[in-house]
Amino acid sequence: MIYIAETEDANKRIDVFLNEEIEDISRSAIQKNIENGNILVNGKKVGKNYKLSEGDGVSVELPEPVEIEILPENIPLDILYEDKDVIVINKPQDMVVHPAPGHYTGTLVNALMYHCGDELSGINGVLRPGIVHRIDKDTSGILVAAKSDRAHISLSKQLAEHTMTREYWAIVYNGFDEESGTVDQPIGRHPAERKKMAVVRDKTSRHAVTHYSVIKKLKGNYTLVKLRLETGRTHQIRVHMAYIHHPLLGDEVYGPKKCPFNLKGQVLHAKILGFVHPATGEYMEFESPLPKYFEDLIEKI
């Protein structure tokens, strides 16, 4: 494919130009392809910071994507409940839920594939078999996976209709003037840092609601809080709590860069999960105890 630089493209960096012209490719991927000689200007190799001139012909020949094979791995699982339709897992901190660039092994999906074999719903494709919802790598706690397409559809509908119970516990910075409250603010892509989310009102934003209540005031200007998700947006709790000036302890993305404790990430635990069973129609609720590092941190503070 050849792209011609027009008048308004003069002096524009080649990676910026192509990022605007080509959908579904990041600037870093464009830069790598420039370095590998897959992108040429007027038939010649250029640097990734090359600035275009009007009339430049930019030829792009991207290599075919390599299909990643996701393999089952014998990774121990803390299973809270399992039947032919669903499996409820207590995920440890530092485990990625599903494969993604940089994390194709050691994920919860790899472990589920080993444990369940081919008994996982295929609705979300080969990279996310059975995965209905996710929690961040550094967040511990409960999630449910679907072992049948029927279960997947039912659980997804409950998530979409906000009828699934999801309660988290966290340690946040600063004290509260009130015992409870609600953050009702839309969340979308950060306007400047595209890997981050933020409270924004643009075409990327979606309705997001988080309810919070104080469990205990801790020393050192920290608070133990309970959070209930009404919606489920990417990084919702982390973004909403930072927005009201109570970022999560250990969250270097949305909170202070320096943490006084030796933590792996945000102190956040998915403690309670409740849903209507897809087959029986019975409401089921599961609770996960706080992980040891979380309890030790409360004691230390």
C-alpha atoms as a PDB file:
ATOM      1  CA  MET A   1       0.000   0.000   0.000  1.00  0.00           C
ATOM      2  CA  ILE A   2       1.322   3.474  -0.875  1.00  0.00           C
ATOM      3  CA  TYR A   3       0.293   6.638   0.960  1.00  0.00           C
ATOM      4  CA  ILE A   4       1.042  10.045  -0.593  1.00  0.00           C
ATOM      5  CA  ALA A   5       1.898  12.948   1.697  1.00  0.00           C
ATOM      6  CA  GLU A   6      -0.279  15.947   0.903  1.00  0.00           C
ATOM      7  CA  THR A   7       0.310  19.650   1.635  1.00  0.00           C
ATOM      8  CA  GLU A   8      -0.984  19.428   5.209  1.00  0.00           C
ATOM      9  CA  ASP A   9       1.338  16.462   5.875  1.00  0.00           C
ATOM     10  CA  ALA A  10       4.543  18.407   5.164  1.00  0.00           C
ATOM     11  CA  ASN A  11       6.978  18.340   8.124  1.00  0.00           C
ATOM     12  CA  LYS A  12       4.873  15.690   9.857  1.00  0.00           C
ATOM     13  CA  ARG A  13       6.758  12.761  11.374  1.00  0.00           C
ATOM     14  CA  ILE A  14       6.298   9.582   9.363  1.00  0.00           C
ATOM     15  CA  ASP A  15       5.116   7.548  12.374  1.00  0.00           C
ATOM     16  CA  VAL A  16       2.504  10.188  13.234  1.00  0.00           C
ATOM     17  CA  PHE A  17       1.357  10.321   9.594  1.00  0.00           C
ATOM     18  CA  LEU A  18       0.921   6.539   9.328  1.00  0.00           C
ATOM     19  CA  ASN A  19      -0.736   6.285  12.734  1.00  0.00           C
ATOM     20  CA  GLU A  20      -3.422   8.604  11.351  1.00  0.00           C
ATOM     21  CA  GLU A  21      -3.722   6.743   8.037  1.00  0.00           C
ATOM     22  CA  ILE A  22      -3.700   3.115   9.204  1.00  0.00           C
ATOM     23  CA  GLU A  23      -6.257   1.720  11.630  1.00  0.00           C
ATOM     24  CA  ASP A  24      -5.429  -0.774  14.385  1.00  0.00           C
ATOM     25  CA  ILE A  25      -1.685  -0.190  14.561  1.00  0.00           C
ATOM     26  CA  SER A  26       0.277   1.584  17.279  1.00  0.00           C
ATOM     27  CA  ARG A  27       3.026   4.134  16.732  1.00  0.00           C
ATOM     28  CA  SER A  28       5.524   1.777  18.375  1.00  0.00           C
ATOM     29  CA  ALA A  29       4.579  -0.956  15.871  1.00  0.00           C
ATOM     30  CA  ILE A  30       4.970   1.534  13.010  1.00  0.00           C
ATOM     31  CA  GLN A  31       8.402   2.561  14.293  1.00  0.00           C
ATOM     32  CA  LYS A  32       9.495  -1.072  14.509  1.00  0.00           C
ATOM     33  CA  ASN A  33       8.377  -1.697  10.923  1.00  0.00           C
ATOM     34  CA  ILE A  34      10.263   1.404   9.766  1.00  0.00           C
ATOM     35  CA  GLU A  35      13.422   0.076  11.447  1.00  0.00           C
ATOM     36  CA  ASN A  36      12.873  -3.355   9.841  1.00  0.00           C
ATOM     37  CA  GLY A  37      12.571  -1.838   6.359  1.00  0.00           C
ATOM     38  CA  ASN A  38       8.909  -2.708   5.899  1.00  0.00           C
ATOM     39  CA  ILE A  39       8.081   0.977   5.425  1.00  0.00           C
ATOM     40  CA  LEU A  40       9.920   3.019   2.783  1.00  0.00           C
ATOM     41  CA  VAL A  41       9.735   6.621   1.561  1.00  0.00           C
ATOM     42  CA  ASN A  42      10.155   7.035  -2.197  1.00  0.00           C
ATOM     43  CA  GLY A  43      11.600   3.509  -2.250  1.00  0.00           C
ATOM     44  CA  LYS A  44      14.268   4.245   0.368  1.00  0.00           C
ATOM     45  CA  LYS A  45      14.671   3.320   4.001  1.00  0.00           C
ATOM     46  CA  VAL A  46      14.333   6.241   6.450  1.00  0.00           C
ATOM     47  CA  GLY A  47      14.540   6.804  10.182  1.00  0.00           C
ATOM     48  CA  LYS A  48      11.474   6.624  12.415  1.00  0.00           C
ATOM     49  CA  ASN A  49      11.685  10.385  13.046  1.00  0.00           C
ATOM     50  CA  TYR A  50      11.793  11.245   9.315  1.00  0.00           C
ATOM     51  CA  LYS A  51       9.705  14.309   8.476  1.00  0.00           C
ATOM     52  CA  LEU A  52       7.648  14.121   5.332  1.00  0.00           C
ATOM     53  CA  SER A  53       7.726  16.446   2.355  1.00  0.00           C
ATOM     54  CA  GLU A  54       4.710  17.101   0.171  1.00  0.00           C
ATOM     55  CA  GLY A  55       4.453  14.422  -2.506  1.00  0.00           C
ATOM     56  CA  ASP A  56       6.457  11.785  -0.618  1.00  0.00           C
ATOM     57  CA  GLY A  57       5.274   8.262  -1.418  1.00  0.00           C
ATOM     58  CA  VAL A  58       5.212   6.079   1.691  1.00  0.00           C
ATOM     59  CA  SER A  59       5.042   2.374   0.851  1.00  0.00           C
ATOM     60  CA  VAL A  60       3.887   0.012   3.583  1.00  0.00           C
ATOM     61  CA  GLU A  61       4.244  -3.772   3.480  1.00  0.00           C
ATOM     62  CA  LEU A  62       3.434  -5.110   6.926  1.00  0.00           C
ATOM     63  CA  PRO A  63       4.253  -8.758   7.646  1.00  0.00           C
ATOM     64  CA  GLU A  64       1.360 -11.131   8.194  1.00  0.00           C
ATOM     65  CA  PRO A  65       0.560 -11.437  11.908  1.00  0.00           C
ATOM     66  CA  VAL A  66       1.854 -14.612  13.500  1.00  0.00           C
ATOM     67  CA  GLU A  67      -0.941 -16.679  15.010  1.00  0.00           C
ATOM     68  CA  ILE A  68      -0.166 -17.276  18.651  1.00  0.00           C
ATOM     69  CA  GLU A  69      -0.851 -20.756  20.007  1.00  0.00           C
ATOM     70  CA  ILE A  70      -2.091 -20.614  23.578  1.00  0.00           C
ATOM     71  CA  LEU A  71      -1.127 -23.775  25.453  1.00  0.00           C
ATOM     72  CA  PRO A  72      -2.563 -25.360  28.610  1.00  0.00           C
ATOM     73  CA  GLU A  73      -0.260 -25.075  31.631  1.00  0.00           C
ATOM     74  CA  ASN A  74      -0.367 -26.997  34.885  1.00  0.00           C
ATOM     75  CA  ILE A  75      -0.719 -23.961  37.145  1.00  0.00           C
ATOM     76  CA  PRO A  76      -2.452 -24.520  40.518  1.00  0.00           C
ATOM     77  CA  LEU A  77      -5.869 -22.856  40.817  1.00  0.00           C
ATOM     78  CA  ASP A  78      -7.706 -21.803  43.979  1.00  0.00           C
ATOM     79  CA  ILE A  79     -11.171 -23.020  42.941  1.00  0.00           C
ATOM     80  CA  LEU A  80     -14.064 -21.791  45.096  1.00  0.00           C
ATOM     81  CA  TYR A  81     -16.800 -23.517  43.077  1.00  0.00           C
ATOM     82  CA  GLU A  82     -17.159 -25.522  39.892  1.00  0.00           C
ATOM     83  CA  ASP A  83     -19.873 -27.312  37.936  1.00  0.00           C
ATOM     84  CA  LYS A  84     -20.526 -28.049  34.255  1.00  0.00           C
ATOM     85  CA  ASP A  85     -21.458 -24.409  33.529  1.00  0.00           C
ATOM     86  CA  VAL A  86     -19.223 -22.161  35.625  1.00  0.00           C
ATOM     87  CA  ILE A  87     -15.974 -22.113  37.560  1.00  0.00           C
ATOM     88  CA  VAL A  88     -15.280 -19.536  40.290  1.00  0.00           C
ATOM     89  CA  ILE A  89     -11.604 -18.763  40.890  1.00  0.00           C
ATOM     90  CA  ASN A  90      -9.725 -16.864  43.578  1.00  0.00           C
ATOM     91  CA  LYS A  91      -6.993 -15.225  41.481  1.00  0.00           C
ATOM     92  CA  PRO A  92      -3.689 -14.386  43.170  1.00  0.00           C
ATOM     93  CA  GLN A  93      -2.026 -11.028  42.802  1.00  0.00           C
ATOM     94  CA  ASP A  94       0.542 -10.862  39.972  1.00  0.00           C
ATOM     95  CA  MET A  95      -1.370 -13.225  37.647  1.00  0.00           C
ATOM     96  CA  VAL A  96      -2.561 -11.969  34.246  1.00  0.00           C
ATOM     97  CA  VAL A  97      -6.101 -13.088  33.394  1.00  0.00           C
ATOM     98  CA  HIS A  98      -5.768 -13.705  29.647  1.00  0.00           C
ATOM     99  CA  PRO A  99      -2.918 -13.798  27.098  1.00  0.00           C
ATOM    100  CA  ALA A 100      -1.823 -10.507  25.557  1.00  0.00           C
ATOM    101  CA  PRO A 101       1.423  -9.171  24.048  1.00  0.00           C
ATOM    102  CA  GLY A 102       4.185  -9.907  26.537  1.00  0.00           C
ATOM    103  CA  HIS A 103       2.034 -12.373  28.502  1.00  0.00           C
ATOM    104  CA  TYR A 104       1.318 -15.506  26.481  1.00  0.00           C
ATOM    105  CA  THR A 105       2.133 -17.928  29.284  1.00  0.00           C
ATOM    106  CA  GLY A 106       1.432 -18.134  32.996  1.00  0.00           C
ATOM    107  CA  THR A 107      -2.034 -16.599  32.666  1.00  0.00           C
ATOM    108  CA  LEU A 108      -5.296 -17.680  34.222  1.00  0.00           C
ATOM    109  CA  VAL A 109      -6.442 -18.812  30.763  1.00  0.00           C
ATOM    110  CA  ASN A 110      -3.435 -21.128  30.448  1.00  0.00           C
ATOM    111  CA  ALA A 111      -4.329 -22.633  33.836  1.00  0.00           C
ATOM    112  CA  LEU A 112      -8.049 -22.941  32.981  1.00  0.00           C
ATOM    113  CA  MET A 113      -7.255 -24.672  29.688  1.00  0.00           C
ATOM    114  CA  TYR A 114      -5.233 -27.296  31.566  1.00  0.00           C
ATOM    115  CA  HIS A 115      -7.872 -27.787  34.260  1.00  0.00           C
ATOM    116  CA  CYS A 116     -10.998 -27.661  32.083  1.00  0.00           C
ATOM    117  CA  GLY A 117      -9.686 -29.045  28.798  1.00  0.00           C
ATOM    118  CA  ASP A 118     -12.084 -28.097  26.014  1.00  0.00           C
ATOM    119  CA  GLU A 119     -14.892 -27.347  28.492  1.00  0.00           C
ATOM    120  CA  LEU A 120     -14.637 -23.562  28.194  1.00  0.00           C
ATOM    121  CA  SER A 121     -16.955 -21.277  26.244  1.00  0.00           C
ATOM    122  CA  GLY A 122     -15.568 -20.139  22.903  1.00  0.00           C
ATOM    123  CA  ILE A 123     -17.514 -16.896  22.586  1.00  0.00           C
ATOM    124  CA  ASN A 124     -14.518 -14.670  23.372  1.00  0.00           C
ATOM    125  CA  GLY A 125     -12.170 -16.441  20.951  1.00  0.00           C
ATOM    126  CA  VAL A 126      -8.963 -18.413  21.347  1.00  0.00           C
ATOM    127  CA  LEU A 127      -7.167 -15.833  23.496  1.00  0.00           C
ATOM    128  CA  ARG A 128      -9.951 -15.543  26.071  1.00  0.00           C
ATOM    129  CA  PRO A 129     -11.775 -18.881  26.304  1.00  0.00           C
ATOM    130  CA  GLY A 130     -14.295 -18.789  29.140  1.00  0.00           C
ATOM    131  CA  ILE A 131     -13.399 -15.253  30.178  1.00  0.00           C
ATOM    132  CA  VAL A 132     -16.498 -13.198  30.960  1.00  0.00           C
ATOM    133  CA  HIS A 133     -14.869 -10.409  32.979  1.00  0.00           C
ATOM    134  CA  ARG A 134     -11.358  -9.656  34.158  1.00  0.00           C
ATOM    135  CA  ILE A 135      -9.423  -8.060  36.979  1.00  0.00           C
ATOM    136  CA  ASP A 136      -6.034  -6.395  36.674  1.00  0.00           C
ATOM    137  CA  LYS A 137      -2.800  -8.351  37.020  1.00  0.00           C
ATOM    138  CA  ASP A 138      -1.985  -6.779  40.392  1.00  0.00           C
ATOM    139  CA  THR A 139      -5.548  -7.100  41.712  1.00  0.00           C
ATOM    140  CA  SER A 140      -6.328 -10.290  43.621  1.00  0.00           C
ATOM    141  CA  GLY A 141      -9.653 -11.962  44.221  1.00  0.00           C
ATOM    142  CA  ILE A 142     -12.723 -13.612  42.743  1.00  0.00           C
ATOM    143  CA  LEU A 143     -13.815 -13.953  39.158  1.00  0.00           C
ATOM    144  CA  VAL A 144     -16.072 -16.379  37.335  1.00  0.00           C
ATOM    145  CA  ALA A 145     -15.356 -18.116  34.020  1.00  0.00           C
ATOM    146  CA  ALA A 146     -17.915 -19.763  31.745  1.00  0.00           C
ATOM    147  CA  LYS A 147     -17.651 -23.432  30.769  1.00  0.00           C
ATOM    148  CA  SER A 148     -20.492 -23.272  28.256  1.00  0.00           C
ATOM    149  CA  ASP A 149     -21.712 -20.724  25.730  1.00  0.00           C
ATOM    150  CA  ARG A 150     -25.083 -20.669  27.493  1.00  0.00           C
ATOM    151  CA  ALA A 151     -23.391 -19.705  30.752  1.00  0.00           C
ATOM    152  CA  HIS A 152     -21.253 -17.095  29.014  1.00  0.00           C
ATOM    153  CA  ILE A 153     -24.278 -15.377  27.483  1.00  0.00           C
ATOM    154  CA  SER A 154     -26.144 -15.358  30.810  1.00  0.00           C
ATOM    155  CA  LEU A 155     -23.200 -13.987  32.822  1.00  0.00           C
ATOM    156  CA  SER A 156     -22.412 -11.361  30.187  1.00  0.00           C
ATOM    157  CA  LYS A 157     -26.035 -10.216  30.289  1.00  0.00           C
ATOM    158  CA  GLN A 158     -25.888  -9.891  34.080  1.00  0.00           C
ATOM    159  CA  LEU A 159     -22.744  -7.771  33.769  1.00  0.00           C
ATOM    160  CA  ALA A 160     -24.340  -5.577  31.110  1.00  0.00           C
ATOM    161  CA  GLU A 161     -27.492  -5.116  33.204  1.00  0.00           C
ATOM    162  CA  HIS A 162     -25.426  -4.383  36.357  1.00  0.00           C
ATOM    163  CA  THR A 163     -27.096  -7.173  38.350  1.00  0.00           C
ATOM    164  CA  MET A 164     -23.893  -8.996  39.281  1.00  0.00           C
ATOM    165  CA  THR A 165     -22.605  -8.280  42.800  1.00  0.00           C
ATOM    166  CA  ARG A 166     -18.959  -7.175  42.809  1.00  0.00           C
ATOM    167  CA  GLU A 167     -17.430  -5.914  46.037  1.00  0.00           C
ATOM    168  CA  TYR A 168     -13.771  -4.926  46.406  1.00  0.00           C
ATOM    169  CA  TRP A 169     -11.667  -3.917  49.383  1.00  0.00           C
ATOM    170  CA  ALA A 170      -8.819  -1.437  49.007  1.00  0.00           C
ATOM    171  CA  ILE A 171      -6.456   0.759  50.965  1.00  0.00           C
ATOM    172  CA  VAL A 172      -6.487   4.335  49.703  1.00  0.00           C
ATOM    173  CA  TYR A 173      -4.677   7.548  50.495  1.00  0.00           C
ATOM    174  CA  ASN A 174      -6.253  10.218  52.736  1.00  0.00           C
ATOM    175  CA  GLY A 175      -9.175  10.287  55.135  1.00  0.00           C
ATOM    176  CA  PHE A 176     -12.843  10.823  54.277  1.00  0.00           C
ATOM    177  CA  ASP A 177     -15.233  13.475  55.582  1.00  0.00           C
ATOM    178  CA  GLU A 178     -18.171  11.174  54.847  1.00  0.00           C
ATOM    179  CA  GLU A 179     -18.727   7.492  55.627  1.00  0.00           C
ATOM    180  CA  SER A 180     -19.955   6.601  52.150  1.00  0.00           C
ATOM    181  CA  GLY A 181     -20.572   8.043  48.705  1.00  0.00           C
ATOM    182  CA  THR A 182     -20.849   7.430  44.980  1.00  0.00           C
ATOM    183  CA  VAL A 183     -18.633   8.415  42.057  1.00  0.00           C
ATOM    184  CA  ASP A 184     -20.767   8.764  38.934  1.00  0.00           C
ATOM    185  CA  GLN A 185     -18.317   9.941  36.260  1.00  0.00           C
ATOM    186  CA  PRO A 186     -17.723   8.694  32.685  1.00  0.00           C
ATOM    187  CA  ILE A 187     -14.442   6.914  31.932  1.00  0.00           C
ATOM    188  CA  GLY A 188     -12.555   6.849  28.642  1.00  0.00           C
ATOM    189  CA  ARG A 189      -9.059   6.954  27.217  1.00  0.00           C
ATOM    190  CA  HIS A 190      -6.710   9.516  28.721  1.00  0.00           C
ATOM    191  CA  PRO A 191      -6.380  12.335  26.156  1.00  0.00           C
ATOM    192  CA  ALA A 192      -2.573  12.429  26.333  1.00  0.00           C
ATOM    193  CA  GLU A 193      -1.465   9.041  27.725  1.00  0.00           C
ATOM    194  CA  ARG A 194      -3.259   6.447  25.607  1.00  0.00           C
ATOM    195  CA  LYS A 195      -2.423   3.491  27.878  1.00  0.00           C
ATOM    196  CA  LYS A 196      -4.233   5.173  30.767  1.00  0.00           C
ATOM    197  CA  MET A 197      -7.920   5.724  31.433  1.00  0.00           C
ATOM    198  CA  ALA A 198      -9.388   8.920  32.845  1.00  0.00           C
ATOM    199  CA  VAL A 199     -12.602  10.709  33.726  1.00  0.00           C
ATOM    200  CA  VAL A 200     -13.392  12.301  30.361  1.00  0.00           C
ATOM    201  CA  ARG A 201     -16.387  13.305  28.292  1.00  0.00           C
ATOM    202  CA  ASP A 202     -15.627  12.437  24.700  1.00  0.00           C
ATOM    203  CA  LYS A 203     -16.392   9.737  22.133  1.00  0.00           C
ATOM    204  CA  THR A 204     -14.292   7.191  24.065  1.00  0.00           C
ATOM    205  CA  SER A 205     -16.045   7.668  27.414  1.00  0.00           C
ATOM    206  CA  ARG A 206     -18.667   5.367  28.894  1.00  0.00           C
ATOM    207  CA  HIS A 207     -20.983   5.661  31.882  1.00  0.00           C
ATOM    208  CA  ALA A 208     -19.259   4.488  35.080  1.00  0.00           C
ATOM    209  CA  VAL A 209     -20.507   4.301  38.682  1.00  0.00           C
ATOM    210  CA  THR A 210     -18.591   3.237  41.807  1.00  0.00           C
ATOM    211  CA  HIS A 211     -20.066   3.166  45.332  1.00  0.00           C
ATOM    212  CA  TYR A 212     -17.654   3.403  48.274  1.00  0.00           C
ATOM    213  CA  SER A 213     -17.870   3.190  52.067  1.00  0.00           C
ATOM    214  CA  VAL A 214     -15.280   3.520  54.815  1.00  0.00           C
ATOM    215  CA  ILE A 215     -14.416   0.353  56.721  1.00  0.00           C
ATOM    216  CA  LYS A 216     -11.634   1.717  58.917  1.00  0.00           C
ATOM    217  CA  LYS A 217      -9.432   4.796  59.217  1.00  0.00           C
ATOM    218  CA  LEU A 218      -5.794   3.709  59.321  1.00  0.00           C
ATOM    219  CA  LYS A 219      -2.741   5.498  60.640  1.00  0.00           C
ATOM    220  CA  GLY A 220      -0.496   7.444  58.289  1.00  0.00           C
ATOM    221  CA  ASN A 221      -3.383   9.077  56.411  1.00  0.00           C
ATOM    222  CA  TYR A 222      -4.679   5.848  54.838  1.00  0.00           C
ATOM    223  CA  THR A 223      -8.201   4.386  54.793  1.00  0.00           C
ATOM    224  CA  LEU A 224      -9.522   0.868  54.321  1.00  0.00           C
ATOM    225  CA  VAL A 225     -12.568   1.091  52.049  1.00  0.00           C
ATOM    226  CA  LYS A 226     -15.226  -1.150  50.540  1.00  0.00           C
ATOM    227  CA  LEU A 227     -16.160  -0.523  46.903  1.00  0.00           C
ATOM    228  CA  ARG A 228     -19.124  -1.824  44.916  1.00  0.00           C
ATOM    229  CA  LEU A 229     -19.085  -1.677  41.152  1.00  0.00           C
ATOM    230  CA  GLU A 230     -22.313  -0.743  39.428  1.00  0.00           C
ATOM    231  CA  THR A 231     -20.569  -0.736  36.036  1.00  0.00           C
ATOM    232  CA  GLY A 232     -17.327  -2.386  34.964  1.00  0.00           C
ATOM    233  CA  ARG A 233     -15.009  -0.144  32.979  1.00  0.00           C
ATOM    234  CA  THR A 234     -11.262  -0.648  32.528  1.00  0.00           C
ATOM    235  CA  HIS A 235      -9.419   0.503  35.688  1.00  0.00           C
ATOM    236  CA  GLN A 236     -12.726   1.894  36.996  1.00  0.00           C
ATOM    237  CA  ILE A 237     -11.997   1.745  40.729  1.00  0.00           C
ATOM    238  CA  ARG A 238      -8.461   3.056  40.286  1.00  0.00           C
ATOM    239  CA  VAL A 239      -9.578   5.962  38.080  1.00  0.00           C
ATOM    240  CA  HIS A 240     -12.605   6.928  40.179  1.00  0.00           C
ATOM    241  CA  MET A 241     -10.760   6.862  43.494  1.00  0.00           C
ATOM    242  CA  ALA A 242      -7.892   8.917  42.072  1.00  0.00           C
ATOM    243  CA  TYR A 243     -10.481  11.358  40.673  1.00  0.00           C
ATOM    244  CA  ILE A 244     -11.855  12.057  44.186  1.00  0.00           C
ATOM    245  CA  HIS A 245      -8.299  12.389  45.573  1.00  0.00           C
ATOM    246  CA  HIS A 246      -8.152   8.947  47.180  1.00  0.00           C
ATOM    247  CA  PRO A 247      -5.805   6.972  44.880  1.00  0.00           C
ATOM    248  CA  LEU A 248      -5.121   3.380  45.785  1.00  0.00           C
ATOM    249  CA  LEU A 249      -2.027   2.656  47.819  1.00  0.00           C
ATOM    250  CA  GLY A 250       0.625   1.113  45.556  1.00  0.00           C
ATOM    251  CA  ASP A 251      -0.966   2.359  42.320  1.00  0.00           C
ATOM    252  CA  GLU A 252       1.922   4.060  40.544  1.00  0.00           C
ATOM    253  CA  VAL A 253      -0.166   4.685  37.405  1.00  0.00           C
ATOM    254  CA  TYR A 254      -2.964   6.737  38.965  1.00  0.00           C
ATOM    255  CA  GLY A 255      -1.415   7.597  42.336  1.00  0.00           C
ATOM    256  CA  PRO A 256       1.926   8.766  43.752  1.00  0.00           C
ATOM    257  CA  LYS A 257       4.973   7.350  41.971  1.00  0.00           C
ATOM    258  CA  LYS A 258       6.725   6.597  45.241  1.00  0.00           C
ATOM    259  CA  CYS A 259       5.126   4.230  47.737  1.00  0.00           C
ATOM    260  CA  PRO A 260       6.414   3.943  51.332  1.00  0.00           C
ATOM    261  CA  PHE A 261       5.831   0.180  51.285  1.00  0.00           C
ATOM    262  CA  ASN A 262       7.368  -2.555  49.139  1.00  0.00           C
ATOM    263  CA  LEU A 263       4.286  -3.378  47.054  1.00  0.00           C
ATOM    264  CA  LYS A 264       3.782  -5.133  43.693  1.00  0.00           C
ATOM    265  CA  GLY A 265       0.935  -2.839  42.663  1.00  0.00           C
ATOM    266  CA  GLN A 266      -2.344  -1.391  43.871  1.00  0.00           C
ATOM    267  CA  VAL A 267      -3.758  -2.778  47.123  1.00  0.00           C
ATOM    268  CA  LEU A 268      -7.079  -3.992  45.718  1.00  0.00           C
ATOM    269  CA  HIS A 269      -8.910  -7.269  46.329  1.00  0.00           C
ATOM    270  CA  ALA A 270     -12.099  -8.555  44.679  1.00  0.00           C
ATOM    271  CA  LYS A 271     -13.693  -9.856  47.879  1.00  0.00           C
ATOM    272  CA  ILE A 272     -17.299 -10.753  46.977  1.00  0.00           C
ATOM    273  CA  LEU A 273     -18.851 -11.954  43.734  1.00  0.00           C
ATOM    274  CA  GLY A 274     -22.519 -12.807  43.339  1.00  0.00           C
ATOM    275  CA  PHE A 275     -24.530 -13.859  40.299  1.00  0.00           C
ATOM    276  CA  VAL A 276     -27.583 -15.844  39.224  1.00  0.00           C
ATOM    277  CA  HIS A 277     -26.531 -19.308  38.121  1.00  0.00           C
ATOM    278  CA  PRO A 278     -27.076 -19.629  34.332  1.00  0.00           C
ATOM    279  CA  ALA A 279     -28.714 -23.067  34.583  1.00  0.00           C
ATOM    280  CA  THR A 280     -30.521 -23.199  37.942  1.00  0.00           C
ATOM    281  CA  GLY A 281     -31.591 -19.546  38.251  1.00  0.00           C
ATOM    282  CA  GLU A 282     -30.339 -19.612  41.849  1.00  0.00           C
ATOM    283  CA  TYR A 283     -28.462 -16.582  43.222  1.00  0.00           C
ATOM    284  CA  MET A 284     -24.971 -17.593  44.359  1.00  0.00           C
ATOM    285  CA  GLU A 285     -22.478 -15.475  46.280  1.00  0.00           C
ATOM    286  CA  PHE A 286     -18.832 -16.175  47.022  1.00  0.00           C
ATOM    287  CA  GLU A 287     -16.373 -14.473  49.343  1.00  0.00           C
ATOM    288  CA  SER A 288     -12.590 -14.530  49.278  1.00  0.00           C
ATOM    289  CA  PRO A 289     -10.497 -13.743  52.381  1.00  0.00           C
ATOM    290  CA  LEU A 290      -7.974 -10.950  52.120  1.00  0.00           C
ATOM    291  CA  PRO A 291      -4.583 -12.234  50.909  1.00  0.00           C
ATOM    292  CA  LYS A 292      -1.794 -12.382  53.474  1.00  0.00           C
ATOM    293  CA  TYR A 293       0.090  -9.367  52.086  1.00  0.00           C
ATOM    294  CA  PHE A 294      -3.094  -7.263  52.437  1.00  0.00           C
ATOM    295  CA  GLU A 295      -3.726  -8.347  56.038  1.00  0.00           C
ATOM    296  CA  ASP A 296      -0.051  -7.829  56.938  1.00  0.00           C
ATOM    297  CA  LEU A 297      -0.181  -4.323  55.454  1.00  0.00           C
ATOM    298  CA  ILE A 298      -3.271  -3.398  57.513  1.00  0.00           C
ATOM    299  CA  GLU A 299      -1.499  -4.679  60.647  1.00  0.00           C
ATOM    300  CA  LYS A 300       1.681  -2.782  59.761  1.00  0.00           C
ATOM    301  CA  ILE A 301      -0.142   0.470  59.145  1.00  0.00           C
END
